[in-house]
Amino acid sequence: MAMALQAAYTERLVSALRNLRPELDDEHAEMIVRAVFLLVNGAVSLGPATRFSEQRMRALLGSMAGACLEVPA
């Protein structure tokens, strides 16, 4: 069940990214989406190991995810 949900939201995010970046094919868009997942999940797993405030972590992850997605602001 969890795998099906993950596949469904990955598809939705790939579709959304392709709407913003029509030059990407499905495979390229999916790789970008998965890279952002890895970035965010990796940072979340740091949890208490980081001394960043929630606000600072949110800003950092937001800018890093935006750079990965390369979407206009």
PDB file of N, CA and C in Angstrom:
ATOM      1  N   MET A   1       0.816  -1.190   0.000  1.00  0.00           N
ATOM      2  CA  MET A   1       0.000   0.000   0.000  1.00  0.00           C
ATOM      3  C   MET A   1       0.867   1.264   0.000  1.00  0.00           C
ATOM      4  N   ALA A   2       1.872   1.303   0.867  1.00  0.00           N
ATOM      5  CA  ALA A   2       2.744   2.476   0.948  1.00  0.00           C
ATOM      6  C   ALA A   2       3.481   2.705  -0.368  1.00  0.00           C
ATOM      7  N   MET A   3       3.906   1.616  -0.995  1.00  0.00           N
ATOM      8  CA  MET A   3       4.615   1.739  -2.273  1.00  0.00           C
ATOM      9  C   MET A   3       3.703   2.323  -3.352  1.00  0.00           C
ATOM     10  N   ALA A   4       2.447   1.918  -3.349  1.00  0.00           N
ATOM     11  CA  ALA A   4       1.492   2.441  -4.328  1.00  0.00           C
ATOM     12  C   ALA A   4       1.248   3.921  -4.095  1.00  0.00           C
ATOM     13  N   LEU A   5       1.142   4.318  -2.843  1.00  0.00           N
ATOM     14  CA  LEU A   5       0.960   5.739  -2.535  1.00  0.00           C
ATOM     15  C   LEU A   5       2.178   6.554  -2.962  1.00  0.00           C
ATOM     16  N   GLN A   6       3.357   6.017  -2.682  1.00  0.00           N
ATOM     17  CA  GLN A   6       4.585   6.709  -3.074  1.00  0.00           C
ATOM     18  C   GLN A   6       4.651   6.849  -4.590  1.00  0.00           C
ATOM     19  N   ALA A   7       4.317   5.807  -5.311  1.00  0.00           N
ATOM     20  CA  ALA A   7       4.329   5.870  -6.771  1.00  0.00           C
ATOM     21  C   ALA A   7       3.325   6.905  -7.272  1.00  0.00           C
ATOM     22  N   ALA A   8       2.165   6.973  -6.625  1.00  0.00           N
ATOM     23  CA  ALA A   8       1.132   7.924  -7.047  1.00  0.00           C
ATOM     24  C   ALA A   8       1.579   9.366  -6.826  1.00  0.00           C
ATOM     25  N   TYR A   9       2.151   9.666  -5.657  1.00  0.00           N
ATOM     26  CA  TYR A   9       2.549  11.061  -5.465  1.00  0.00           C
ATOM     27  C   TYR A   9       3.805  11.398  -6.258  1.00  0.00           C
ATOM     28  N   THR A  10       4.652  10.425  -6.519  1.00  0.00           N
ATOM     29  CA  THR A  10       5.796  10.676  -7.402  1.00  0.00           C
ATOM     30  C   THR A  10       5.297  11.042  -8.791  1.00  0.00           C
ATOM     31  N   GLU A  11       4.325  10.293  -9.294  1.00  0.00           N
ATOM     32  CA  GLU A  11       3.749  10.599 -10.614  1.00  0.00           C
ATOM     33  C   GLU A  11       3.161  11.996 -10.651  1.00  0.00           C
ATOM     34  N   ARG A  12       2.460  12.367  -9.597  1.00  0.00           N
ATOM     35  CA  ARG A  12       1.849  13.702  -9.552  1.00  0.00           C
ATOM     36  C   ARG A  12       2.903  14.793  -9.539  1.00  0.00           C
ATOM     37  N   LEU A  13       3.971  14.586  -8.786  1.00  0.00           N
ATOM     38  CA  LEU A  13       5.034  15.587  -8.742  1.00  0.00           C
ATOM     39  C   LEU A  13       5.796  15.659 -10.060  1.00  0.00           C
ATOM     40  N   VAL A  14       6.000  14.520 -10.695  1.00  0.00           N
ATOM     41  CA  VAL A  14       6.644  14.508 -12.013  1.00  0.00           C
ATOM     42  C   VAL A  14       5.784  15.287 -13.002  1.00  0.00           C
ATOM     43  N   SER A  15       4.490  15.057 -12.969  1.00  0.00           N
ATOM     44  CA  SER A  15       3.574  15.764 -13.861  1.00  0.00           C
ATOM     45  C   SER A  15       3.610  17.273 -13.599  1.00  0.00           C
ATOM     46  N   ALA A  16       3.593  17.656 -12.331  1.00  0.00           N
ATOM     47  CA  ALA A  16       3.654  19.076 -11.979  1.00  0.00           C
ATOM     48  C   ALA A  16       4.963  19.702 -12.447  1.00  0.00           C
ATOM     49  N   LEU A  17       6.069  18.985 -12.247  1.00  0.00           N
ATOM     50  CA  LEU A  17       7.367  19.501 -12.685  1.00  0.00           C
ATOM     51  C   LEU A  17       7.400  19.645 -14.198  1.00  0.00           C
ATOM     52  N   ARG A  18       6.863  18.682 -14.911  1.00  0.00           N
ATOM     53  CA  ARG A  18       6.849  18.763 -16.380  1.00  0.00           C
ATOM     54  C   ARG A  18       5.986  19.912 -16.868  1.00  0.00           C
ATOM     55  N   ASN A  19       4.941  20.259 -16.113  1.00  0.00           N
ATOM     56  CA  ASN A  19       4.133  21.423 -16.476  1.00  0.00           C
ATOM     57  C   ASN A  19       4.932  22.713 -16.354  1.00  0.00           C
ATOM     58  N   LEU A  20       5.807  22.752 -15.333  1.00  0.00           N
ATOM     59  CA  LEU A  20       6.655  23.928 -15.138  1.00  0.00           C
ATOM     60  C   LEU A  20       7.887  23.913 -16.039  1.00  0.00           C
ATOM     61  N   ARG A  21       8.347  22.716 -16.372  1.00  0.00           N
ATOM     62  CA  ARG A  21       9.555  22.553 -17.180  1.00  0.00           C
ATOM     63  C   ARG A  21       9.270  21.610 -18.339  1.00  0.00           C
ATOM     64  N   PRO A  22       8.530  22.084 -19.357  1.00  0.00           N
ATOM     65  CA  PRO A  22       8.116  21.204 -20.449  1.00  0.00           C
ATOM     66  C   PRO A  22       9.270  20.625 -21.273  1.00  0.00           C
ATOM     67  N   GLU A  23      10.462  21.182 -21.126  1.00  0.00           N
ATOM     68  CA  GLU A  23      11.606  20.648 -21.873  1.00  0.00           C
ATOM     69  C   GLU A  23      12.103  19.319 -21.304  1.00  0.00           C
ATOM     70  N   LEU A  24      11.653  18.964 -20.099  1.00  0.00           N
ATOM     71  CA  LEU A  24      12.075  17.707 -19.479  1.00  0.00           C
ATOM     72  C   LEU A  24      11.228  16.544 -19.974  1.00  0.00           C
ATOM     73  N   ASP A  25      11.866  15.400 -20.186  1.00  0.00           N
ATOM     74  CA  ASP A  25      11.074  14.198 -20.452  1.00  0.00           C
ATOM     75  C   ASP A  25      10.729  13.560 -19.106  1.00  0.00           C
ATOM     76  N   ASP A  26       9.866  12.546 -19.136  1.00  0.00           N
ATOM     77  CA  ASP A  26       9.412  11.922 -17.890  1.00  0.00           C
ATOM     78  C   ASP A  26      10.563  11.388 -17.053  1.00  0.00           C
ATOM     79  N   GLU A  27      11.519  10.744 -17.699  1.00  0.00           N
ATOM     80  CA  GLU A  27      12.630  10.133 -16.964  1.00  0.00           C
ATOM     81  C   GLU A  27      13.467  11.190 -16.244  1.00  0.00           C
ATOM     82  N   HIS A  28      13.773  12.271 -16.926  1.00  0.00           N
ATOM     83  CA  HIS A  28      14.582  13.332 -16.328  1.00  0.00           C
ATOM     84  C   HIS A  28      13.819  13.981 -15.171  1.00  0.00           C
ATOM     85  N   ALA A  29      12.542  14.255 -15.377  1.00  0.00           N
ATOM     86  CA  ALA A  29      11.725  14.862 -14.326  1.00  0.00           C
ATOM     87  C   ALA A  29      11.640  13.941 -13.115  1.00  0.00           C
ATOM     88  N   GLU A  30      11.496  12.647 -13.343  1.00  0.00           N
ATOM     89  CA  GLU A  30      11.417  11.708 -12.221  1.00  0.00           C
ATOM     90  C   GLU A  30      12.726  11.670 -11.444  1.00  0.00           C
ATOM     91  N   MET A  31      13.845  11.721 -12.121  1.00  0.00           N
ATOM     92  CA  MET A  31      15.136  11.713 -11.429  1.00  0.00           C
ATOM     93  C   MET A  31      15.286  12.959 -10.560  1.00  0.00           C
ATOM     94  N   ILE A  32      14.827  14.105 -11.058  1.00  0.00           N
ATOM     95  CA  ILE A  32      14.896  15.339 -10.277  1.00  0.00           C
ATOM     96  C   ILE A  32      14.002  15.225  -9.041  1.00  0.00           C
ATOM     97  N   VAL A  33      12.776  14.736  -9.230  1.00  0.00           N
ATOM     98  CA  VAL A  33      11.851  14.575  -8.106  1.00  0.00           C
ATOM     99  C   VAL A  33      12.449  13.640  -7.069  1.00  0.00           C
ATOM    100  N   ARG A  34      13.024  12.544  -7.502  1.00  0.00           N
ATOM    101  CA  ARG A  34      13.610  11.595  -6.548  1.00  0.00           C
ATOM    102  C   ARG A  34      14.831  12.197  -5.827  1.00  0.00           C
ATOM    103  N   ALA A  35      15.596  13.027  -6.516  1.00  0.00           N
ATOM    104  CA  ALA A  35      16.738  13.692  -5.881  1.00  0.00           C
ATOM    105  C   ALA A  35      16.264  14.634  -4.782  1.00  0.00           C
ATOM    106  N   VAL A  36      15.155  15.330  -5.034  1.00  0.00           N
ATOM    107  CA  VAL A  36      14.608  16.216  -4.010  1.00  0.00           C
ATOM    108  C   VAL A  36      14.114  15.399  -2.814  1.00  0.00           C
ATOM    109  N   PHE A  37      13.466  14.261  -3.069  1.00  0.00           N
ATOM    110  CA  PHE A  37      13.049  13.377  -1.972  1.00  0.00           C
ATOM    111  C   PHE A  37      14.257  12.982  -1.119  1.00  0.00           C
ATOM    112  N   LEU A  38      15.340  12.574  -1.770  1.00  0.00           N
ATOM    113  CA  LEU A  38      16.539  12.161  -1.041  1.00  0.00           C
ATOM    114  C   LEU A  38      17.104  13.303  -0.211  1.00  0.00           C
ATOM    115  N   LEU A  39      17.113  14.489  -0.784  1.00  0.00           N
ATOM    116  CA  LEU A  39      17.608  15.674  -0.081  1.00  0.00           C
ATOM    117  C   LEU A  39      16.793  15.930   1.181  1.00  0.00           C
ATOM    118  N   VAL A  40      15.492  15.976   1.018  1.00  0.00           N
ATOM    119  CA  VAL A  40      14.620  16.279   2.153  1.00  0.00           C
ATOM    120  C   VAL A  40      14.647  15.150   3.189  1.00  0.00           C
ATOM    121  N   ASN A  41      14.521  13.908   2.738  1.00  0.00           N
ATOM    122  CA  ASN A  41      14.537  12.787   3.683  1.00  0.00           C
ATOM    123  C   ASN A  41      15.863  12.689   4.428  1.00  0.00           C
ATOM    124  N   GLY A  42      16.946  12.947   3.726  1.00  0.00           N
ATOM    125  CA  GLY A  42      18.256  12.921   4.374  1.00  0.00           C
ATOM    126  C   GLY A  42      18.378  13.989   5.442  1.00  0.00           C
ATOM    127  N   ALA A  43      17.884  15.177   5.155  1.00  0.00           N
ATOM    128  CA  ALA A  43      17.949  16.266   6.136  1.00  0.00           C
ATOM    129  C   ALA A  43      17.054  15.974   7.332  1.00  0.00           C
ATOM    130  N   VAL A  44      15.887  15.427   7.072  1.00  0.00           N
ATOM    131  CA  VAL A  44      14.965  15.095   8.161  1.00  0.00           C
ATOM    132  C   VAL A  44      15.579  14.032   9.056  1.00  0.00           C
ATOM    133  N   SER A  45      16.284  13.082   8.468  1.00  0.00           N
ATOM    134  CA  SER A  45      16.876  12.016   9.275  1.00  0.00           C
ATOM    135  C   SER A  45      17.995  12.537  10.178  1.00  0.00           C
ATOM    136  N   LEU A  46      18.533  13.716   9.870  1.00  0.00           N
ATOM    137  CA  LEU A  46      19.540  14.311  10.762  1.00  0.00           C
ATOM    138  C   LEU A  46      18.923  14.664  12.108  1.00  0.00           C
ATOM    139  N   GLY A  47      17.661  15.084  12.051  1.00  0.00           N
ATOM    140  CA  GLY A  47      16.917  15.406  13.256  1.00  0.00           C
ATOM    141  C   GLY A  47      17.724  16.169  14.272  1.00  0.00           C
ATOM    142  N   PRO A  48      17.861  15.619  15.457  1.00  0.00           N
ATOM    143  CA  PRO A  48      18.556  16.308  16.544  1.00  0.00           C
ATOM    144  C   PRO A  48      20.060  16.468  16.311  1.00  0.00           C
ATOM    145  N   ALA A  49      20.599  15.801  15.309  1.00  0.00           N
ATOM    146  CA  ALA A  49      22.043  15.896  15.067  1.00  0.00           C
ATOM    147  C   ALA A  49      22.440  17.282  14.566  1.00  0.00           C
ATOM    148  N   THR A  50      21.470  18.046  14.089  1.00  0.00           N
ATOM    149  CA  THR A  50      21.785  19.387  13.601  1.00  0.00           C
ATOM    150  C   THR A  50      21.346  20.430  14.621  1.00  0.00           C
ATOM    151  N   ARG A  51      22.059  21.506  14.661  1.00  0.00           N
ATOM    152  CA  ARG A  51      21.706  22.600  15.571  1.00  0.00           C
ATOM    153  C   ARG A  51      20.956  23.700  14.835  1.00  0.00           C
ATOM    154  N   PHE A  52      20.623  23.441  13.577  1.00  0.00           N
ATOM    155  CA  PHE A  52      19.861  24.427  12.809  1.00  0.00           C
ATOM    156  C   PHE A  52      18.473  24.571  13.417  1.00  0.00           C
ATOM    157  N   SER A  53      17.990  25.779  13.466  1.00  0.00           N
ATOM    158  CA  SER A  53      16.607  25.994  13.889  1.00  0.00           C
ATOM    159  C   SER A  53      15.696  25.484  12.776  1.00  0.00           C
ATOM    160  N   GLU A  54      14.439  25.267  13.114  1.00  0.00           N
ATOM    161  CA  GLU A  54      13.477  24.816  12.098  1.00  0.00           C
ATOM    162  C   GLU A  54      13.403  25.827  10.961  1.00  0.00           C
ATOM    163  N   GLN A  55      13.401  27.104  11.291  1.00  0.00           N
ATOM    164  CA  GLN A  55      13.318  28.150  10.263  1.00  0.00           C
ATOM    165  C   GLN A  55      14.547  28.117   9.347  1.00  0.00           C
ATOM    166  N   ARG A  56      15.723  27.959   9.917  1.00  0.00           N
ATOM    167  CA  ARG A  56      16.950  27.916   9.111  1.00  0.00           C
ATOM    168  C   ARG A  56      16.988  26.667   8.237  1.00  0.00           C
ATOM    169  N   MET A  57      16.567  25.526   8.786  1.00  0.00           N
ATOM    170  CA  MET A  57      16.540  24.281   8.018  1.00  0.00           C
ATOM    171  C   MET A  57      15.544  24.400   6.875  1.00  0.00           C
ATOM    172  N   ARG A  58      14.379  24.973   7.157  1.00  0.00           N
ATOM    173  CA  ARG A  58      13.354  25.147   6.125  1.00  0.00           C
ATOM    174  C   ARG A  58      13.886  26.021   4.986  1.00  0.00           C
ATOM    175  N   ALA A  59      14.569  27.111   5.333  1.00  0.00           N
ATOM    176  CA  ALA A  59      15.124  28.003   4.308  1.00  0.00           C
ATOM    177  C   ALA A  59      16.197  27.293   3.483  1.00  0.00           C
ATOM    178  N   LEU A  60      17.069  26.558   4.162  1.00  0.00           N
ATOM    179  CA  LEU A  60      18.140  25.840   3.466  1.00  0.00           C
ATOM    180  C   LEU A  60      17.579  24.787   2.522  1.00  0.00           C
ATOM    181  N   LEU A  61      16.666  23.957   3.036  1.00  0.00           N
ATOM    182  CA  LEU A  61      16.076  22.912   2.194  1.00  0.00           C
ATOM    183  C   LEU A  61      15.270  23.512   1.044  1.00  0.00           C
ATOM    184  N   GLY A  62      14.584  24.603   1.313  1.00  0.00           N
ATOM    185  CA  GLY A  62      13.818  25.266   0.259  1.00  0.00           C
ATOM    186  C   GLY A  62      14.712  25.743  -0.869  1.00  0.00           C
ATOM    187  N   SER A  63      15.823  26.359  -0.525  1.00  0.00           N
ATOM    188  CA  SER A  63      16.721  26.845  -1.584  1.00  0.00           C
ATOM    189  C   SER A  63      17.402  25.694  -2.301  1.00  0.00           C
ATOM    190  N   MET A  64      17.761  24.634  -1.578  1.00  0.00           N
ATOM    191  CA  MET A  64      18.403  23.480  -2.223  1.00  0.00           C
ATOM    192  C   MET A  64      17.415  22.739  -3.129  1.00  0.00           C
ATOM    193  N   ALA A  65      16.185  22.554  -2.658  1.00  0.00           N
ATOM    194  CA  ALA A  65      15.175  21.892  -3.481  1.00  0.00           C
ATOM    195  C   ALA A  65      14.878  22.732  -4.707  1.00  0.00           C
ATOM    196  N   GLY A  66      14.767  24.043  -4.533  1.00  0.00           N
ATOM    197  CA  GLY A  66      14.526  24.921  -5.673  1.00  0.00           C
ATOM    198  C   GLY A  66      15.640  24.838  -6.700  1.00  0.00           C
ATOM    199  N   ALA A  67      16.880  24.753  -6.226  1.00  0.00           N
ATOM    200  CA  ALA A  67      18.010  24.618  -7.146  1.00  0.00           C
ATOM    201  C   ALA A  67      17.944  23.294  -7.904  1.00  0.00           C
ATOM    202  N   CYS A  68      17.547  22.218  -7.221  1.00  0.00           N
ATOM    203  CA  CYS A  68      17.404  20.921  -7.892  1.00  0.00           C
ATOM    204  C   CYS A  68      16.310  20.974  -8.962  1.00  0.00           C
ATOM    205  N   LEU A  69      15.203  21.602  -8.607  1.00  0.00           N
ATOM    206  CA  LEU A  69      14.045  21.630  -9.518  1.00  0.00           C
ATOM    207  C   LEU A  69      14.244  22.603 -10.676  1.00  0.00           C
ATOM    208  N   GLU A  70      15.080  23.602 -10.463  1.00  0.00           N
ATOM    209  CA  GLU A  70      15.341  24.628 -11.483  1.00  0.00           C
ATOM    210  C   GLU A  70      14.041  25.184 -12.052  1.00  0.00           C
ATOM    211  N   VAL A  71      13.135  25.581 -11.157  1.00  0.00           N
ATOM    212  CA  VAL A  71      11.876  26.181 -11.598  1.00  0.00           C
ATOM    213  C   VAL A  71      11.918  27.675 -11.329  1.00  0.00           C
ATOM    214  N   PRO A  72      11.305  28.465 -12.202  1.00  0.00           N
ATOM    215  CA  PRO A  72      11.288  29.911 -11.977  1.00  0.00           C
ATOM    216  C   PRO A  72      10.533  30.254 -10.695  1.00  0.00           C
ATOM    217  N   ALA A  73      11.042  31.224  -9.976  1.00  0.00           N
ATOM    218  CA  ALA A  73      10.394  31.638  -8.713  1.00  0.00           C
ATOM    219  C   ALA A  73       9.132  32.434  -8.982  1.00  0.00           C
TER     220      ALA A  73
END
